[in-house]
Amino acid sequence: MANVTLISARDASSHQVVCERLPEGTVRVRLEDRELELWVHWDTPTWGWARNLQTGEVHAVGCVIQEDEVYLWLDGGTYRFTRQSPQAKRRQGGAAGGPASGDVKAPMPGAILKVLVSEGETVEANTPLVLMESMKMEMSLTAPIAGVVSAVACSPGQMVEMNMVLIQLRQEGADGSENA
């Protein structure tokens, strides 16, 4: 059984998720006060199909977990979360709201469609920085922190590998000074 807290990259909302494997490819997922039973079939290690056993609805799904980042694709929509597992909390010194890295990495191999920022530009957390395509899915990679773009390491049309650093941000202090 997996029990994690996911923090939405869009609005910083927190979601408690409990997943339990059941026989014959089914999974019970508890999301806050909702419980779903799903039959999941993976065509590849990251892409597949999920059937809601209560309603019969079928959904295309994709999931990539990269360190403490979770990327979920559901019926064409892209959702990014930070996973707050016990290991993540220990790496942050026990604090759920510890300092975030300013590196924006490719969550999977793909092609850069568009770079939306330039070096020296100031951005807010969750600002779209790069549009990327992978496995015919377009995704927007956003700023994990507020800060200044210190490096742009990709360009439109470039093929990138998983975990390649695409953008680096420097966090600004409350007094306007920059933190490395």
N, C-alpha and C. Protein backbone atom coordinates (compact mmCIF):
# COMPACT_ATOMS: atom_id res chain seq x y z
N MET A 1 0.86 -1.18 0.00
CA MET A 1 0.00 0.00 0.00
C MET A 1 0.90 1.23 0.00
N ALA A 2 0.58 2.18 -0.87
CA ALA A 2 1.32 3.44 -0.94
C ALA A 2 0.45 4.55 -0.37
N ASN A 3 1.04 5.37 0.46
CA ASN A 3 0.33 6.48 1.08
C ASN A 3 1.21 7.72 0.92
N VAL A 4 0.80 8.65 0.05
CA VAL A 4 1.60 9.84 -0.20
C VAL A 4 0.71 11.08 -0.20
N THR A 5 1.34 12.20 0.00
CA THR A 5 0.67 13.49 -0.16
C THR A 5 1.22 14.12 -1.42
N LEU A 6 0.32 14.53 -2.33
CA LEU A 6 0.71 15.19 -3.56
C LEU A 6 0.34 16.67 -3.46
N ILE A 7 1.29 17.53 -3.82
CA ILE A 7 1.07 18.98 -3.81
C ILE A 7 0.94 19.41 -5.27
N SER A 8 -0.17 20.01 -5.64
CA SER A 8 -0.41 20.44 -7.01
C SER A 8 0.51 21.59 -7.38
N ALA A 9 1.15 21.48 -8.56
CA ALA A 9 2.01 22.56 -9.05
C ALA A 9 1.19 23.75 -9.51
N ARG A 10 -0.09 23.54 -9.83
CA ARG A 10 -0.93 24.64 -10.32
C ARG A 10 -1.39 25.58 -9.23
N ASP A 11 -1.86 24.99 -8.11
CA ASP A 11 -2.44 25.86 -7.08
C ASP A 11 -1.95 25.55 -5.67
N ALA A 12 -0.92 24.72 -5.54
CA ALA A 12 -0.30 24.36 -4.26
C ALA A 12 -1.26 23.64 -3.32
N SER A 13 -2.40 23.14 -3.83
CA SER A 13 -3.30 22.39 -2.97
C SER A 13 -2.69 21.03 -2.66
N SER A 14 -3.02 20.49 -1.50
CA SER A 14 -2.47 19.24 -1.02
C SER A 14 -3.53 18.14 -1.13
N HIS A 15 -3.12 16.95 -1.60
CA HIS A 15 -4.05 15.84 -1.78
C HIS A 15 -3.46 14.58 -1.18
N GLN A 16 -4.15 13.98 -0.23
CA GLN A 16 -3.72 12.72 0.37
C GLN A 16 -4.20 11.57 -0.51
N VAL A 17 -3.28 10.71 -0.97
CA VAL A 17 -3.60 9.61 -1.87
C VAL A 17 -3.11 8.31 -1.26
N VAL A 18 -4.01 7.30 -1.22
CA VAL A 18 -3.65 5.97 -0.76
C VAL A 18 -3.99 5.00 -1.88
N CYS A 19 -3.00 4.22 -2.33
CA CYS A 19 -3.19 3.22 -3.40
C CYS A 19 -2.95 1.84 -2.83
N GLU A 20 -3.84 0.93 -3.14
CA GLU A 20 -3.72 -0.45 -2.68
C GLU A 20 -3.92 -1.39 -3.87
N ARG A 21 -2.96 -2.28 -4.10
CA ARG A 21 -3.07 -3.27 -5.17
C ARG A 21 -4.03 -4.37 -4.75
N LEU A 22 -4.96 -4.70 -5.64
CA LEU A 22 -5.90 -5.78 -5.43
C LEU A 22 -5.61 -6.87 -6.47
N PRO A 23 -6.22 -8.04 -6.36
CA PRO A 23 -5.94 -9.10 -7.33
C PRO A 23 -6.35 -8.71 -8.76
N GLU A 24 -5.72 -9.38 -9.72
CA GLU A 24 -6.05 -9.31 -11.14
C GLU A 24 -5.96 -7.91 -11.75
N GLY A 25 -4.91 -7.17 -11.42
CA GLY A 25 -4.66 -5.89 -12.06
C GLY A 25 -5.53 -4.75 -11.59
N THR A 26 -6.25 -4.92 -10.50
CA THR A 26 -7.09 -3.83 -10.00
C THR A 26 -6.36 -3.08 -8.89
N VAL A 27 -6.74 -1.84 -8.75
CA VAL A 27 -6.13 -0.95 -7.75
C VAL A 27 -7.25 -0.19 -7.07
N ARG A 28 -7.18 -0.06 -5.76
CA ARG A 28 -8.12 0.79 -5.01
C ARG A 28 -7.36 2.08 -4.69
N VAL A 29 -7.94 3.20 -5.10
CA VAL A 29 -7.33 4.51 -4.88
C VAL A 29 -8.26 5.33 -3.98
N ARG A 30 -7.73 5.82 -2.88
CA ARG A 30 -8.48 6.74 -2.02
C ARG A 30 -7.85 8.11 -2.16
N LEU A 31 -8.65 9.05 -2.63
CA LEU A 31 -8.21 10.43 -2.82
C LEU A 31 -9.10 11.28 -1.93
N GLU A 32 -8.50 11.74 -0.82
CA GLU A 32 -9.27 12.47 0.20
C GLU A 32 -10.45 11.60 0.65
N ASP A 33 -11.68 12.02 0.37
CA ASP A 33 -12.85 11.25 0.81
C ASP A 33 -13.46 10.40 -0.30
N ARG A 34 -12.82 10.36 -1.50
CA ARG A 34 -13.32 9.54 -2.62
C ARG A 34 -12.54 8.24 -2.70
N GLU A 35 -13.25 7.17 -3.05
CA GLU A 35 -12.59 5.88 -3.25
C GLU A 35 -12.94 5.35 -4.63
N LEU A 36 -11.94 4.95 -5.39
CA LEU A 36 -12.13 4.42 -6.74
C LEU A 36 -11.51 3.03 -6.82
N GLU A 37 -12.18 2.14 -7.53
CA GLU A 37 -11.56 0.87 -7.88
C GLU A 37 -11.33 0.89 -9.38
N LEU A 38 -10.07 0.69 -9.77
CA LEU A 38 -9.68 0.79 -11.17
C LEU A 38 -9.01 -0.50 -11.63
N TRP A 39 -9.30 -0.88 -12.87
CA TRP A 39 -8.52 -1.91 -13.54
C TRP A 39 -7.55 -1.16 -14.42
N VAL A 40 -6.26 -1.42 -14.26
CA VAL A 40 -5.24 -0.68 -14.98
C VAL A 40 -4.45 -1.63 -15.87
N HIS A 41 -4.29 -1.23 -17.12
CA HIS A 41 -3.46 -1.98 -18.07
C HIS A 41 -2.40 -1.03 -18.61
N TRP A 42 -1.13 -1.39 -18.46
CA TRP A 42 -0.03 -0.56 -18.93
C TRP A 42 0.48 -1.11 -20.26
N ASP A 43 0.40 -0.30 -21.34
CA ASP A 43 0.96 -0.68 -22.64
C ASP A 43 2.48 -0.55 -22.63
N THR A 44 2.99 0.43 -21.90
CA THR A 44 4.42 0.66 -21.71
C THR A 44 4.61 0.91 -20.22
N PRO A 45 5.83 1.06 -19.74
CA PRO A 45 6.01 1.33 -18.32
C PRO A 45 5.36 2.63 -17.84
N THR A 46 5.05 3.56 -18.76
CA THR A 46 4.49 4.85 -18.33
C THR A 46 3.13 5.19 -18.93
N TRP A 47 2.64 4.42 -19.90
CA TRP A 47 1.39 4.73 -20.59
C TRP A 47 0.44 3.55 -20.58
N GLY A 48 -0.84 3.82 -20.37
CA GLY A 48 -1.81 2.73 -20.39
C GLY A 48 -3.23 3.22 -20.32
N TRP A 49 -4.08 2.33 -19.77
CA TRP A 49 -5.52 2.58 -19.71
C TRP A 49 -6.02 2.22 -18.32
N ALA A 50 -7.00 2.98 -17.84
CA ALA A 50 -7.62 2.67 -16.55
C ALA A 50 -9.13 2.64 -16.74
N ARG A 51 -9.76 1.58 -16.24
CA ARG A 51 -11.22 1.47 -16.29
C ARG A 51 -11.75 1.61 -14.86
N ASN A 52 -12.66 2.57 -14.68
CA ASN A 52 -13.33 2.75 -13.40
C ASN A 52 -14.33 1.61 -13.26
N LEU A 53 -14.12 0.73 -12.30
CA LEU A 53 -14.97 -0.45 -12.16
C LEU A 53 -16.38 -0.12 -11.67
N GLN A 54 -16.57 1.06 -11.05
CA GLN A 54 -17.91 1.45 -10.62
C GLN A 54 -18.74 2.00 -11.79
N THR A 55 -18.11 2.79 -12.68
CA THR A 55 -18.86 3.45 -13.75
C THR A 55 -18.62 2.84 -15.13
N GLY A 56 -17.54 2.08 -15.28
CA GLY A 56 -17.19 1.52 -16.58
C GLY A 56 -16.42 2.47 -17.48
N GLU A 57 -16.22 3.72 -17.07
CA GLU A 57 -15.49 4.69 -17.88
C GLU A 57 -14.04 4.25 -18.07
N VAL A 58 -13.52 4.47 -19.29
CA VAL A 58 -12.13 4.13 -19.61
C VAL A 58 -11.37 5.42 -19.87
N HIS A 59 -10.18 5.52 -19.30
CA HIS A 59 -9.36 6.73 -19.43
C HIS A 59 -7.95 6.36 -19.85
N ALA A 60 -7.39 7.14 -20.79
CA ALA A 60 -5.98 7.01 -21.15
C ALA A 60 -5.17 7.67 -20.05
N VAL A 61 -4.13 6.99 -19.56
CA VAL A 61 -3.32 7.53 -18.48
C VAL A 61 -1.84 7.37 -18.78
N GLY A 62 -1.09 8.28 -18.24
CA GLY A 62 0.36 8.20 -18.28
C GLY A 62 0.88 8.72 -16.96
N CYS A 63 1.97 8.15 -16.49
CA CYS A 63 2.52 8.60 -15.22
C CYS A 63 4.04 8.45 -15.24
N VAL A 64 4.72 9.51 -14.89
CA VAL A 64 6.17 9.47 -14.74
C VAL A 64 6.48 10.03 -13.37
N ILE A 65 7.30 9.28 -12.62
CA ILE A 65 7.75 9.75 -11.31
C ILE A 65 9.24 9.99 -11.43
N GLN A 66 9.63 11.23 -11.18
CA GLN A 66 11.03 11.64 -11.32
C GLN A 66 11.43 12.26 -9.99
N GLU A 67 12.19 11.50 -9.21
CA GLU A 67 12.54 11.90 -7.85
C GLU A 67 11.23 12.17 -7.10
N ASP A 68 10.96 13.41 -6.69
CA ASP A 68 9.74 13.71 -5.96
C ASP A 68 8.70 14.43 -6.82
N GLU A 69 8.93 14.49 -8.13
CA GLU A 69 7.97 15.07 -9.06
C GLU A 69 7.13 13.96 -9.67
N VAL A 70 5.83 14.17 -9.73
CA VAL A 70 4.91 13.21 -10.34
C VAL A 70 4.19 13.92 -11.48
N TYR A 71 4.32 13.38 -12.69
CA TYR A 71 3.64 13.91 -13.87
C TYR A 71 2.54 12.93 -14.23
N LEU A 72 1.31 13.40 -14.28
CA LEU A 72 0.16 12.55 -14.59
C LEU A 72 -0.52 13.10 -15.83
N TRP A 73 -0.74 12.24 -16.83
CA TRP A 73 -1.49 12.59 -18.02
C TRP A 73 -2.78 11.81 -17.96
N LEU A 74 -3.90 12.49 -18.03
CA LEU A 74 -5.21 11.85 -17.94
C LEU A 74 -6.09 12.44 -19.02
N ASP A 75 -6.47 11.61 -19.98
CA ASP A 75 -7.35 12.02 -21.08
C ASP A 75 -6.89 13.31 -21.75
N GLY A 76 -5.59 13.45 -21.98
CA GLY A 76 -5.06 14.60 -22.70
C GLY A 76 -4.66 15.77 -21.83
N GLY A 77 -5.04 15.77 -20.56
CA GLY A 77 -4.64 16.84 -19.64
C GLY A 77 -3.36 16.46 -18.92
N THR A 78 -2.51 17.43 -18.64
CA THR A 78 -1.25 17.20 -17.95
C THR A 78 -1.32 17.83 -16.56
N TYR A 79 -0.91 17.06 -15.55
CA TYR A 79 -0.94 17.52 -14.16
C TYR A 79 0.42 17.22 -13.53
N ARG A 80 0.97 18.21 -12.85
CA ARG A 80 2.26 18.02 -12.18
C ARG A 80 2.08 18.18 -10.69
N PHE A 81 2.67 17.25 -9.94
CA PHE A 81 2.59 17.27 -8.49
C PHE A 81 3.98 17.09 -7.90
N THR A 82 4.14 17.55 -6.68
CA THR A 82 5.32 17.22 -5.88
C THR A 82 4.87 16.17 -4.88
N ARG A 83 5.62 15.09 -4.81
CA ARG A 83 5.29 14.00 -3.90
C ARG A 83 5.93 14.28 -2.56
N GLN A 84 5.15 14.30 -1.52
CA GLN A 84 5.66 14.50 -0.17
C GLN A 84 5.63 13.17 0.58
N SER A 85 6.50 12.26 0.18
CA SER A 85 6.62 10.97 0.84
C SER A 85 7.46 11.14 2.10
N PRO A 86 7.49 10.15 2.98
CA PRO A 86 8.37 10.26 4.16
C PRO A 86 9.83 10.48 3.76
N GLN A 87 10.29 9.85 2.66
CA GLN A 87 11.66 10.03 2.21
C GLN A 87 11.90 11.49 1.79
N ALA A 88 10.92 12.09 1.10
CA ALA A 88 11.06 13.48 0.65
C ALA A 88 11.14 14.40 1.86
N LYS A 89 10.31 14.15 2.86
CA LYS A 89 10.33 14.99 4.05
C LYS A 89 11.68 14.88 4.76
N ARG A 90 12.26 13.65 4.80
CA ARG A 90 13.57 13.48 5.43
C ARG A 90 14.64 14.23 4.65
N ARG A 91 14.59 14.17 3.29
CA ARG A 91 15.58 14.88 2.47
C ARG A 91 15.49 16.39 2.67
N GLN A 92 14.30 16.89 3.03
CA GLN A 92 14.12 18.33 3.23
C GLN A 92 14.34 18.69 4.69
N GLY A 93 14.86 17.77 5.49
CA GLY A 93 15.09 18.05 6.90
C GLY A 93 13.82 17.99 7.71
N GLY A 94 12.81 17.26 7.24
CA GLY A 94 11.58 17.08 8.00
C GLY A 94 10.52 18.10 7.71
N ALA A 95 10.84 19.15 6.99
CA ALA A 95 9.86 20.20 6.73
C ALA A 95 9.21 19.98 5.38
N ALA A 96 7.88 19.99 5.35
CA ALA A 96 7.17 19.79 4.08
C ALA A 96 7.38 20.96 3.15
N GLY A 97 7.63 22.14 3.66
CA GLY A 97 7.77 23.32 2.82
C GLY A 97 9.20 23.77 2.65
N GLY A 98 10.16 22.85 2.63
CA GLY A 98 11.58 23.17 2.50
C GLY A 98 11.90 23.83 1.17
N PRO A 99 13.17 24.24 0.99
CA PRO A 99 13.54 24.92 -0.23
C PRO A 99 13.43 24.02 -1.44
N ALA A 100 12.90 24.56 -2.51
CA ALA A 100 12.74 23.80 -3.75
C ALA A 100 13.92 24.10 -4.67
N SER A 101 14.28 23.14 -5.51
CA SER A 101 15.33 23.33 -6.49
C SER A 101 14.84 24.26 -7.59
N GLY A 102 15.75 25.03 -8.16
CA GLY A 102 15.40 25.89 -9.27
C GLY A 102 15.63 25.25 -10.63
N ASP A 103 16.04 23.98 -10.65
CA ASP A 103 16.26 23.28 -11.92
C ASP A 103 14.95 22.76 -12.48
N VAL A 104 14.70 23.02 -13.75
CA VAL A 104 13.55 22.45 -14.47
C VAL A 104 14.13 21.41 -15.41
N LYS A 105 13.76 20.13 -15.17
CA LYS A 105 14.33 19.02 -15.93
C LYS A 105 13.27 18.40 -16.82
N ALA A 106 13.73 17.77 -17.88
CA ALA A 106 12.83 17.04 -18.78
C ALA A 106 12.30 15.82 -18.04
N PRO A 107 10.98 15.67 -17.92
CA PRO A 107 10.43 14.52 -17.20
C PRO A 107 10.55 13.22 -17.98
N MET A 108 10.80 13.32 -19.29
CA MET A 108 10.97 12.15 -20.15
C MET A 108 11.64 12.61 -21.43
N PRO A 109 12.14 11.70 -22.26
CA PRO A 109 12.73 12.12 -23.53
C PRO A 109 11.68 12.78 -24.41
N GLY A 110 12.11 13.75 -25.21
CA GLY A 110 11.16 14.42 -26.10
C GLY A 110 11.79 15.55 -26.87
N ALA A 111 10.93 16.40 -27.43
CA ALA A 111 11.38 17.53 -28.24
C ALA A 111 10.89 18.84 -27.63
N ILE A 112 11.75 19.84 -27.65
CA ILE A 112 11.38 21.17 -27.17
C ILE A 112 10.59 21.85 -28.28
N LEU A 113 9.37 22.28 -27.98
CA LEU A 113 8.54 22.99 -28.95
C LEU A 113 8.77 24.50 -28.87
N LYS A 114 8.85 25.01 -27.63
CA LYS A 114 8.96 26.47 -27.47
C LYS A 114 9.60 26.77 -26.12
N VAL A 115 10.49 27.75 -26.09
CA VAL A 115 11.06 28.26 -24.85
C VAL A 115 10.38 29.59 -24.59
N LEU A 116 9.73 29.72 -23.44
CA LEU A 116 8.88 30.88 -23.16
C LEU A 116 9.55 31.97 -22.33
N VAL A 117 10.81 31.75 -21.92
CA VAL A 117 11.52 32.74 -21.09
C VAL A 117 12.93 32.92 -21.63
N SER A 118 13.59 33.96 -21.15
CA SER A 118 14.98 34.18 -21.53
C SER A 118 15.80 34.45 -20.27
N GLU A 119 17.11 34.30 -20.40
CA GLU A 119 18.01 34.50 -19.27
C GLU A 119 17.85 35.91 -18.71
N GLY A 120 17.82 36.02 -17.38
CA GLY A 120 17.66 37.31 -16.71
C GLY A 120 16.22 37.67 -16.39
N GLU A 121 15.27 36.95 -16.95
CA GLU A 121 13.85 37.24 -16.73
C GLU A 121 13.42 36.78 -15.33
N THR A 122 12.61 37.58 -14.66
CA THR A 122 12.06 37.22 -13.36
C THR A 122 10.72 36.52 -13.56
N VAL A 123 10.53 35.38 -12.87
CA VAL A 123 9.29 34.61 -13.01
C VAL A 123 8.72 34.27 -11.64
N GLU A 124 7.43 34.07 -11.60
CA GLU A 124 6.73 33.60 -10.40
C GLU A 124 6.70 32.08 -10.41
N ALA A 125 6.50 31.46 -9.27
CA ALA A 125 6.32 30.01 -9.21
C ALA A 125 5.14 29.63 -10.08
N ASN A 126 5.23 28.51 -10.75
CA ASN A 126 4.20 27.95 -11.64
C ASN A 126 4.06 28.67 -12.98
N THR A 127 4.98 29.60 -13.30
CA THR A 127 4.97 30.26 -14.60
C THR A 127 5.42 29.25 -15.66
N PRO A 128 4.69 29.11 -16.77
CA PRO A 128 5.16 28.22 -17.85
C PRO A 128 6.50 28.71 -18.40
N LEU A 129 7.46 27.77 -18.54
CA LEU A 129 8.81 28.12 -19.01
C LEU A 129 9.13 27.49 -20.37
N VAL A 130 8.68 26.24 -20.56
CA VAL A 130 9.04 25.47 -21.75
C VAL A 130 7.84 24.64 -22.18
N LEU A 131 7.57 24.59 -23.49
CA LEU A 131 6.60 23.65 -24.03
C LEU A 131 7.39 22.50 -24.63
N MET A 132 7.01 21.28 -24.29
CA MET A 132 7.74 20.10 -24.71
C MET A 132 6.75 19.07 -25.24
N GLU A 133 7.20 18.25 -26.17
CA GLU A 133 6.37 17.18 -26.69
C GLU A 133 7.08 15.85 -26.48
N SER A 134 6.30 14.86 -26.01
CA SER A 134 6.83 13.52 -25.83
C SER A 134 5.71 12.54 -26.06
N MET A 135 5.95 11.53 -26.85
CA MET A 135 4.95 10.50 -27.14
C MET A 135 3.62 11.10 -27.60
N LYS A 136 3.71 12.11 -28.46
CA LYS A 136 2.56 12.80 -29.05
C LYS A 136 1.73 13.58 -28.04
N MET A 137 2.28 13.82 -26.85
CA MET A 137 1.60 14.60 -25.83
C MET A 137 2.39 15.89 -25.61
N GLU A 138 1.69 17.01 -25.60
CA GLU A 138 2.32 18.30 -25.36
C GLU A 138 2.20 18.62 -23.88
N MET A 139 3.30 19.11 -23.28
CA MET A 139 3.26 19.46 -21.86
C MET A 139 3.96 20.78 -21.62
N SER A 140 3.46 21.48 -20.63
CA SER A 140 4.06 22.74 -20.22
C SER A 140 4.85 22.49 -18.95
N LEU A 141 6.14 22.85 -18.97
CA LEU A 141 6.96 22.72 -17.77
C LEU A 141 7.01 24.09 -17.11
N THR A 142 6.72 24.12 -15.82
CA THR A 142 6.57 25.39 -15.11
C THR A 142 7.67 25.59 -14.06
N ALA A 143 7.79 26.83 -13.61
CA ALA A 143 8.79 27.19 -12.61
C ALA A 143 8.43 26.57 -11.26
N PRO A 144 9.36 25.81 -10.65
CA PRO A 144 9.09 25.22 -9.34
C PRO A 144 9.17 26.25 -8.22
N ILE A 145 9.84 27.37 -8.48
CA ILE A 145 10.01 28.44 -7.48
C ILE A 145 9.92 29.79 -8.19
N ALA A 146 9.73 30.83 -7.41
CA ALA A 146 9.84 32.19 -7.95
C ALA A 146 11.32 32.53 -8.00
N GLY A 147 11.75 33.22 -9.06
CA GLY A 147 13.15 33.58 -9.13
C GLY A 147 13.51 34.21 -10.46
N VAL A 148 14.81 34.23 -10.73
CA VAL A 148 15.35 34.80 -11.95
C VAL A 148 15.92 33.66 -12.79
N VAL A 149 15.63 33.68 -14.09
CA VAL A 149 16.15 32.66 -14.99
C VAL A 149 17.66 32.89 -15.11
N SER A 150 18.45 31.93 -14.60
CA SER A 150 19.90 32.08 -14.64
C SER A 150 20.52 31.37 -15.84
N ALA A 151 19.81 30.38 -16.41
CA ALA A 151 20.34 29.70 -17.59
C ALA A 151 19.19 29.05 -18.36
N VAL A 152 19.27 29.15 -19.68
CA VAL A 152 18.36 28.46 -20.58
C VAL A 152 19.23 27.47 -21.36
N ALA A 153 19.01 26.17 -21.12
CA ALA A 153 19.88 25.15 -21.69
C ALA A 153 19.19 24.33 -22.78
N CYS A 154 18.18 24.91 -23.43
CA CYS A 154 17.48 24.20 -24.50
C CYS A 154 16.99 25.21 -25.52
N SER A 155 16.62 24.71 -26.69
CA SER A 155 16.11 25.58 -27.75
C SER A 155 15.05 24.84 -28.54
N PRO A 156 14.15 25.57 -29.21
CA PRO A 156 13.09 24.93 -29.99
C PRO A 156 13.67 23.96 -31.02
N GLY A 157 13.03 22.79 -31.10
CA GLY A 157 13.46 21.75 -32.04
C GLY A 157 14.48 20.79 -31.47
N GLN A 158 15.04 21.11 -30.33
CA GLN A 158 16.06 20.27 -29.72
C GLN A 158 15.45 19.00 -29.13
N MET A 159 16.10 17.86 -29.34
CA MET A 159 15.70 16.61 -28.69
C MET A 159 16.41 16.55 -27.35
N VAL A 160 15.68 16.20 -26.30
CA VAL A 160 16.25 16.15 -24.96
C VAL A 160 16.02 14.78 -24.34
N GLU A 161 16.89 14.44 -23.41
CA GLU A 161 16.80 13.19 -22.68
C GLU A 161 16.14 13.42 -21.32
N MET A 162 15.59 12.36 -20.74
CA MET A 162 15.00 12.44 -19.41
C MET A 162 16.05 12.94 -18.42
N ASN A 163 15.64 13.81 -17.52
CA ASN A 163 16.44 14.42 -16.45
C ASN A 163 17.40 15.50 -16.94
N MET A 164 17.40 15.82 -18.23
CA MET A 164 18.25 16.91 -18.71
C MET A 164 17.75 18.23 -18.14
N VAL A 165 18.65 19.04 -17.60
CA VAL A 165 18.26 20.36 -17.08
C VAL A 165 17.99 21.27 -18.27
N LEU A 166 16.77 21.83 -18.30
CA LEU A 166 16.35 22.70 -19.40
C LEU A 166 16.46 24.17 -19.03
N ILE A 167 16.08 24.50 -17.81
CA ILE A 167 16.09 25.88 -17.31
C ILE A 167 16.62 25.85 -15.88
N GLN A 168 17.43 26.85 -15.52
CA GLN A 168 17.87 27.00 -14.13
C GLN A 168 17.37 28.34 -13.62
N LEU A 169 16.87 28.32 -12.38
CA LEU A 169 16.37 29.53 -11.72
C LEU A 169 17.18 29.79 -10.46
N ARG A 170 17.39 31.07 -10.17
CA ARG A 170 17.96 31.50 -8.89
C ARG A 170 16.83 32.09 -8.09
N GLN A 171 16.69 31.65 -6.87
CA GLN A 171 15.64 32.17 -6.00
C GLN A 171 16.05 33.54 -5.47
N GLU A 172 15.10 34.47 -5.43
CA GLU A 172 15.35 35.79 -4.87
C GLU A 172 14.93 35.81 -3.42
N GLY A 173 15.73 36.49 -2.56
CA GLY A 173 15.39 36.64 -1.16
C GLY A 173 14.29 37.66 -0.98
N ALA A 174 13.74 37.72 0.21
CA ALA A 174 12.65 38.65 0.52
C ALA A 174 13.10 40.10 0.34
N ASP A 175 14.42 40.36 0.50
CA ASP A 175 14.92 41.73 0.37
C ASP A 175 15.33 42.06 -1.06
N GLY A 176 15.05 41.14 -2.02
CA GLY A 176 15.38 41.40 -3.42
C GLY A 176 16.73 40.84 -3.82
N SER A 177 17.54 40.37 -2.83
CA SER A 177 18.82 39.77 -3.18
C SER A 177 18.60 38.37 -3.72
N GLU A 178 19.55 37.89 -4.51
CA GLU A 178 19.41 36.57 -5.12
C GLU A 178 20.10 35.52 -4.27
N ASN A 179 19.45 34.34 -4.15
CA ASN A 179 20.04 33.20 -3.47
C ASN A 179 20.43 32.19 -4.53
N ALA A 180 21.57 31.56 -4.36
CA ALA A 180 22.04 30.57 -5.34
C ALA A 180 21.26 29.28 -5.25
